[in-house]
PDB file of N, CA and C in Angstrom:
ATOM      1  N   MET A   1      38.703  -2.868 -51.816  1.00  0.00           N
ATOM      2  CA  MET A   1      38.155  -3.200 -53.117  1.00  0.00           C
ATOM      3  C   MET A   1      37.677  -4.645 -53.096  1.00  0.00           C
ATOM      4  N   ILE A   2      36.658  -4.903 -53.885  1.00  0.00           N
ATOM      5  CA  ILE A   2      36.170  -6.271 -54.011  1.00  0.00           C
ATOM      6  C   ILE A   2      36.431  -6.753 -55.436  1.00  0.00           C
ATOM      7  N   LYS A   3      36.675  -8.046 -55.551  1.00  0.00           N
ATOM      8  CA  LYS A   3      36.995  -8.658 -56.838  1.00  0.00           C
ATOM      9  C   LYS A   3      35.741  -9.301 -57.416  1.00  0.00           C
ATOM     10  N   LEU A   4      35.369  -8.875 -58.621  1.00  0.00           N
ATOM     11  CA  LEU A   4      34.213  -9.423 -59.320  1.00  0.00           C
ATOM     12  C   LEU A   4      34.663  -9.953 -60.671  1.00  0.00           C
ATOM     13  N   THR A   5      33.763 -10.669 -61.348  1.00  0.00           N
ATOM     14  CA  THR A   5      34.070 -11.240 -62.653  1.00  0.00           C
ATOM     15  C   THR A   5      33.066 -10.726 -63.677  1.00  0.00           C
ATOM     16  N   ARG A   6      33.576 -10.094 -64.725  1.00  0.00           N
ATOM     17  CA  ARG A   6      32.693  -9.636 -65.803  1.00  0.00           C
ATOM     18  C   ARG A   6      32.096 -10.852 -66.503  1.00  0.00           C
ATOM     19  N   VAL A   7      31.027 -10.651 -67.253  1.00  0.00           N
ATOM     20  CA  VAL A   7      30.380 -11.775 -67.931  1.00  0.00           C
ATOM     21  C   VAL A   7      31.295 -12.418 -68.967  1.00  0.00           C
ATOM     22  N   ASN A   8      32.303 -11.689 -69.457  1.00  0.00           N
ATOM     23  CA  ASN A   8      33.243 -12.273 -70.425  1.00  0.00           C
ATOM     24  C   ASN A   8      34.391 -13.016 -69.740  1.00  0.00           C
ATOM     25  N   GLY A   9      34.376 -13.082 -68.399  1.00  0.00           N
ATOM     26  CA  GLY A   9      35.364 -13.844 -67.652  1.00  0.00           C
ATOM     27  C   GLY A   9      36.547 -13.048 -67.129  1.00  0.00           C
ATOM     28  N   THR A  10      36.654 -11.774 -67.484  1.00  0.00           N
ATOM     29  CA  THR A  10      37.773 -10.973 -66.992  1.00  0.00           C
ATOM     30  C   THR A  10      37.482 -10.470 -65.583  1.00  0.00           C
ATOM     31  N   THR A  11      38.549 -10.189 -64.857  1.00  0.00           N
ATOM     32  CA  THR A  11      38.439  -9.736 -63.473  1.00  0.00           C
ATOM     33  C   THR A  11      38.187  -8.239 -63.423  1.00  0.00           C
ATOM     34  N   LEU A  12      37.350  -7.839 -62.490  1.00  0.00           N
ATOM     35  CA  LEU A  12      37.032  -6.430 -62.274  1.00  0.00           C
ATOM     36  C   LEU A  12      37.192  -6.145 -60.788  1.00  0.00           C
ATOM     37  N   LEU A  13      38.048  -5.186 -60.441  1.00  0.00           N
ATOM     38  CA  LEU A  13      38.188  -4.753 -59.055  1.00  0.00           C
ATOM     39  C   LEU A  13      37.346  -3.501 -58.870  1.00  0.00           C
ATOM     40  N   VAL A  14      36.485  -3.520 -57.864  1.00  0.00           N
ATOM     41  CA  VAL A  14      35.537  -2.432 -57.644  1.00  0.00           C
ATOM     42  C   VAL A  14      35.762  -1.832 -56.266  1.00  0.00           C
ATOM     43  N   ASN A  15      35.839  -0.516 -56.217  1.00  0.00           N
ATOM     44  CA  ASN A  15      35.887   0.181 -54.936  1.00  0.00           C
ATOM     45  C   ASN A  15      34.456   0.186 -54.398  1.00  0.00           C
ATOM     46  N   GLU A  16      34.227  -0.612 -53.371  1.00  0.00           N
ATOM     47  CA  GLU A  16      32.861  -0.785 -52.849  1.00  0.00           C
ATOM     48  C   GLU A  16      32.262   0.509 -52.319  1.00  0.00           C
ATOM     49  N   SER A  17      33.085   1.485 -51.994  1.00  0.00           N
ATOM     50  CA  SER A  17      32.578   2.766 -51.497  1.00  0.00           C
ATOM     51  C   SER A  17      31.826   3.538 -52.577  1.00  0.00           C
ATOM     52  N   PHE A  18      32.121   3.240 -53.840  1.00  0.00           N
ATOM     53  CA  PHE A  18      31.489   3.948 -54.952  1.00  0.00           C
ATOM     54  C   PHE A  18      30.400   3.131 -55.632  1.00  0.00           C
ATOM     55  N   LEU A  19      30.084   1.977 -55.075  1.00  0.00           N
ATOM     56  CA  LEU A  19      29.024   1.126 -55.608  1.00  0.00           C
ATOM     57  C   LEU A  19      27.677   1.714 -55.199  1.00  0.00           C
ATOM     58  N   GLU A  20      26.859   2.036 -56.195  1.00  0.00           N
ATOM     59  CA  GLU A  20      25.563   2.650 -55.900  1.00  0.00           C
ATOM     60  C   GLU A  20      24.445   1.616 -55.864  1.00  0.00           C
ATOM     61  N   THR A  21      24.334   0.792 -56.921  1.00  0.00           N
ATOM     62  CA  THR A  21      23.286  -0.227 -56.952  1.00  0.00           C
ATOM     63  C   THR A  21      23.813  -1.519 -57.557  1.00  0.00           C
ATOM     64  N   ALA A  22      23.149  -2.609 -57.204  1.00  0.00           N
ATOM     65  CA  ALA A  22      23.392  -3.912 -57.826  1.00  0.00           C
ATOM     66  C   ALA A  22      22.030  -4.545 -58.033  1.00  0.00           C
ATOM     67  N   GLU A  23      21.768  -4.984 -59.266  1.00  0.00           N
ATOM     68  CA  GLU A  23      20.465  -5.579 -59.550  1.00  0.00           C
ATOM     69  C   GLU A  23      20.618  -6.739 -60.520  1.00  0.00           C
ATOM     70  N   GLU A  24      19.706  -7.700 -60.404  1.00  0.00           N
ATOM     71  CA  GLU A  24      19.693  -8.851 -61.301  1.00  0.00           C
ATOM     72  C   GLU A  24      18.570  -8.659 -62.302  1.00  0.00           C
ATOM     73  N   THR A  25      18.930  -8.707 -63.611  1.00  0.00           N
ATOM     74  CA  THR A  25      17.948  -8.343 -64.644  1.00  0.00           C
ATOM     75  C   THR A  25      17.876  -9.286 -65.842  1.00  0.00           C
ATOM     76  N   PRO A  26      18.084 -10.540 -65.976  1.00  0.00           N
ATOM     77  CA  PRO A  26      18.546 -11.492 -64.983  1.00  0.00           C
ATOM     78  C   PRO A  26      20.056 -11.443 -64.754  1.00  0.00           C
ATOM     79  N   ASP A  27      20.825 -10.861 -65.712  1.00  0.00           N
ATOM     80  CA  ASP A  27      22.258 -10.684 -65.443  1.00  0.00           C
ATOM     81  C   ASP A  27      22.422  -9.669 -64.326  1.00  0.00           C
ATOM     82  N   THR A  28      23.490  -9.793 -63.569  1.00  0.00           N
ATOM     83  CA  THR A  28      23.740  -8.837 -62.496  1.00  0.00           C
ATOM     84  C   THR A  28      24.428  -7.611 -63.072  1.00  0.00           C
ATOM     85  N   VAL A  29      23.847  -6.459 -62.792  1.00  0.00           N
ATOM     86  CA  VAL A  29      24.389  -5.182 -63.250  1.00  0.00           C
ATOM     87  C   VAL A  29      24.704  -4.350 -62.022  1.00  0.00           C
ATOM     88  N   ILE A  30      25.952  -3.864 -61.936  1.00  0.00           N
ATOM     89  CA  ILE A  30      26.287  -2.941 -60.859  1.00  0.00           C
ATOM     90  C   ILE A  30      26.436  -1.554 -61.463  1.00  0.00           C
ATOM     91  N   THR A  31      25.964  -0.573 -60.740  1.00  0.00           N
ATOM     92  CA  THR A  31      26.075   0.814 -61.177  1.00  0.00           C
ATOM     93  C   THR A  31      26.888   1.564 -60.140  1.00  0.00           C
ATOM     94  N   MET A  32      27.885   2.271 -60.635  1.00  0.00           N
ATOM     95  CA  MET A  32      28.761   3.044 -59.768  1.00  0.00           C
ATOM     96  C   MET A  32      28.197   4.457 -59.609  1.00  0.00           C
ATOM     97  N   GLN A  33      28.691   5.195 -58.635  1.00  0.00           N
ATOM     98  CA  GLN A  33      28.200   6.550 -58.383  1.00  0.00           C
ATOM     99  C   GLN A  33      28.422   7.480 -59.564  1.00  0.00           C
ATOM    100  N   ASN A  34      29.425   7.185 -60.407  1.00  0.00           N
ATOM    101  CA  ASN A  34      29.682   8.029 -61.572  1.00  0.00           C
ATOM    102  C   ASN A  34      28.818   7.642 -62.767  1.00  0.00           C
ATOM    103  N   GLY A  35      27.926   6.648 -62.586  1.00  0.00           N
ATOM    104  CA  GLY A  35      27.019   6.232 -63.644  1.00  0.00           C
ATOM    105  C   GLY A  35      27.514   5.071 -64.487  1.00  0.00           C
ATOM    106  N   HIS A  36      28.765   4.674 -64.328  1.00  0.00           N
ATOM    107  CA  HIS A  36      29.281   3.534 -65.087  1.00  0.00           C
ATOM    108  C   HIS A  36      28.575   2.267 -64.635  1.00  0.00           C
ATOM    109  N   ARG A  37      28.233   1.432 -65.623  1.00  0.00           N
ATOM    110  CA  ARG A  37      27.536   0.172 -65.333  1.00  0.00           C
ATOM    111  C   ARG A  37      28.393  -0.993 -65.791  1.00  0.00           C
ATOM    112  N   TYR A  38      28.394  -2.055 -65.001  1.00  0.00           N
ATOM    113  CA  TYR A  38      29.172  -3.247 -65.319  1.00  0.00           C
ATOM    114  C   TYR A  38      28.287  -4.479 -65.146  1.00  0.00           C
ATOM    115  N   PHE A  39      28.357  -5.388 -66.114  1.00  0.00           N
ATOM    116  CA  PHE A  39      27.658  -6.662 -66.030  1.00  0.00           C
ATOM    117  C   PHE A  39      28.638  -7.676 -65.454  1.00  0.00           C
ATOM    118  N   VAL A  40      28.233  -8.343 -64.383  1.00  0.00           N
ATOM    119  CA  VAL A  40      29.124  -9.275 -63.693  1.00  0.00           C
ATOM    120  C   VAL A  40      28.446 -10.627 -63.498  1.00  0.00           C
ATOM    121  N   GLN A  41      29.272 -11.653 -63.253  1.00  0.00           N
ATOM    122  CA  GLN A  41      28.765 -13.015 -63.068  1.00  0.00           C
ATOM    123  C   GLN A  41      28.199 -13.254 -61.676  1.00  0.00           C
ATOM    124  N   GLU A  42      28.690 -12.530 -60.680  1.00  0.00           N
ATOM    125  CA  GLU A  42      28.257 -12.746 -59.300  1.00  0.00           C
ATOM    126  C   GLU A  42      26.806 -12.292 -59.111  1.00  0.00           C
ATOM    127  N   SER A  43      26.119 -12.966 -58.199  1.00  0.00           N
ATOM    128  CA  SER A  43      24.753 -12.560 -57.855  1.00  0.00           C
ATOM    129  C   SER A  43      24.796 -11.352 -56.918  1.00  0.00           C
ATOM    130  N   VAL A  44      23.656 -10.717 -56.747  1.00  0.00           N
ATOM    131  CA  VAL A  44      23.562  -9.592 -55.817  1.00  0.00           C
ATOM    132  C   VAL A  44      23.940 -10.051 -54.411  1.00  0.00           C
ATOM    133  N   ASP A  45      23.500 -11.244 -54.022  1.00  0.00           N
ATOM    134  CA  ASP A  45      23.839 -11.764 -52.690  1.00  0.00           C
ATOM    135  C   ASP A  45      25.343 -11.967 -52.528  1.00  0.00           C
ATOM    136  N   GLU A  46      26.009 -12.455 -53.573  1.00  0.00           N
ATOM    137  CA  GLU A  46      27.464 -12.639 -53.506  1.00  0.00           C
ATOM    138  C   GLU A  46      28.179 -11.293 -53.380  1.00  0.00           C
ATOM    139  N   ILE A  47      27.706 -10.294 -54.106  1.00  0.00           N
ATOM    140  CA  ILE A  47      28.305  -8.959 -54.032  1.00  0.00           C
ATOM    141  C   ILE A  47      28.117  -8.380 -52.640  1.00  0.00           C
ATOM    142  N   LEU A  48      26.930  -8.543 -52.084  1.00  0.00           N
ATOM    143  CA  LEU A  48      26.664  -8.065 -50.733  1.00  0.00           C
ATOM    144  C   LEU A  48      27.593  -8.752 -49.734  1.00  0.00           C
ATOM    145  N   PHE A  49      27.741 -10.074 -49.842  1.00  0.00           N
ATOM    146  CA  PHE A  49      28.615 -10.818 -48.945  1.00  0.00           C
ATOM    147  C   PHE A  49      30.057 -10.326 -49.055  1.00  0.00           C
ATOM    148  N   LYS A  50      30.556 -10.172 -50.287  1.00  0.00           N
ATOM    149  CA  LYS A  50      31.934  -9.703 -50.481  1.00  0.00           C
ATOM    150  C   LYS A  50      32.124  -8.306 -49.900  1.00  0.00           C
ATOM    151  N   THR A  51      31.135  -7.450 -50.074  1.00  0.00           N
ATOM    152  CA  THR A  51      31.224  -6.084 -49.553  1.00  0.00           C
ATOM    153  C   THR A  51      31.254  -6.089 -48.031  1.00  0.00           C
ATOM    154  N   LEU A  52      30.368  -6.863 -47.416  1.00  0.00           N
ATOM    155  CA  LEU A  52      30.332  -6.933 -45.954  1.00  0.00           C
ATOM    156  C   LEU A  52      31.611  -7.541 -45.391  1.00  0.00           C
ATOM    157  N   GLU A  53      32.140  -8.579 -46.047  1.00  0.00           N
ATOM    158  CA  GLU A  53      33.394  -9.190 -45.600  1.00  0.00           C
ATOM    159  C   GLU A  53      34.546  -8.198 -45.700  1.00  0.00           C
ATOM    160  N   PHE A  54      34.597  -7.433 -46.790  1.00  0.00           N
ATOM    161  CA  PHE A  54      35.660  -6.446 -46.956  1.00  0.00           C
ATOM    162  C   PHE A  54      35.569  -5.375 -45.876  1.00  0.00           C
ATOM    163  N   GLU A  55      34.356  -4.888 -45.612  1.00  0.00           N
ATOM    164  CA  GLU A  55      34.168  -3.859 -44.583  1.00  0.00           C
ATOM    165  C   GLU A  55      34.562  -4.384 -43.205  1.00  0.00           C
ATOM    166  N   LYS A  56      34.192  -5.637 -42.920  1.00  0.00           N
ATOM    167  CA  LYS A  56      34.542  -6.231 -41.632  1.00  0.00           C
ATOM    168  C   LYS A  56      36.061  -6.337 -41.497  1.00  0.00           C
ATOM    169  N   GLU A  57      36.718  -6.792 -42.558  1.00  0.00           N
ATOM    170  CA  GLU A  57      38.177  -6.927 -42.547  1.00  0.00           C
ATOM    171  C   GLU A  57      38.846  -5.558 -42.398  1.00  0.00           C
ATOM    172  N   LYS A  58      38.303  -4.556 -43.062  1.00  0.00           N
ATOM    173  CA  LYS A  58      38.855  -3.202 -43.001  1.00  0.00           C
ATOM    174  C   LYS A  58      38.750  -2.639 -41.587  1.00  0.00           C
ATOM    175  N   ASN A  59      37.669  -2.926 -40.897  1.00  0.00           N
ATOM    176  CA  ASN A  59      37.467  -2.411 -39.541  1.00  0.00           C
ATOM    177  C   ASN A  59      38.337  -3.120 -38.507  1.00  0.00           C
ATOM    178  N   ILE A  60      38.771  -4.333 -38.810  1.00  0.00           N
ATOM    179  CA  ILE A  60      39.631  -5.079 -37.892  1.00  0.00           C
ATOM    180  C   ILE A  60      41.036  -4.500 -37.890  1.00  0.00           C
ATOM    181  N   ARG A  61      41.491  -4.013 -39.031  1.00  0.00           N
ATOM    182  CA  ARG A  61      42.868  -3.509 -39.166  1.00  0.00           C
ATOM    183  C   ARG A  61      43.054  -2.231 -38.481  1.00  0.00           C
TER     184      ARG A  61
END
């Protein structure tokens, strides 16, 4: 799971396997495979970095 921050400042843990899209509109909106959408403070690049780091760490274990 990756840790993100909602626009209201609360923490959101996201299972990256179910992340379908991330777009900046200008706020960053992530859409999950079930259709749920979340507005977060992180940029698309930050989300991509966190996802890749998590996957790399998962493969090391």
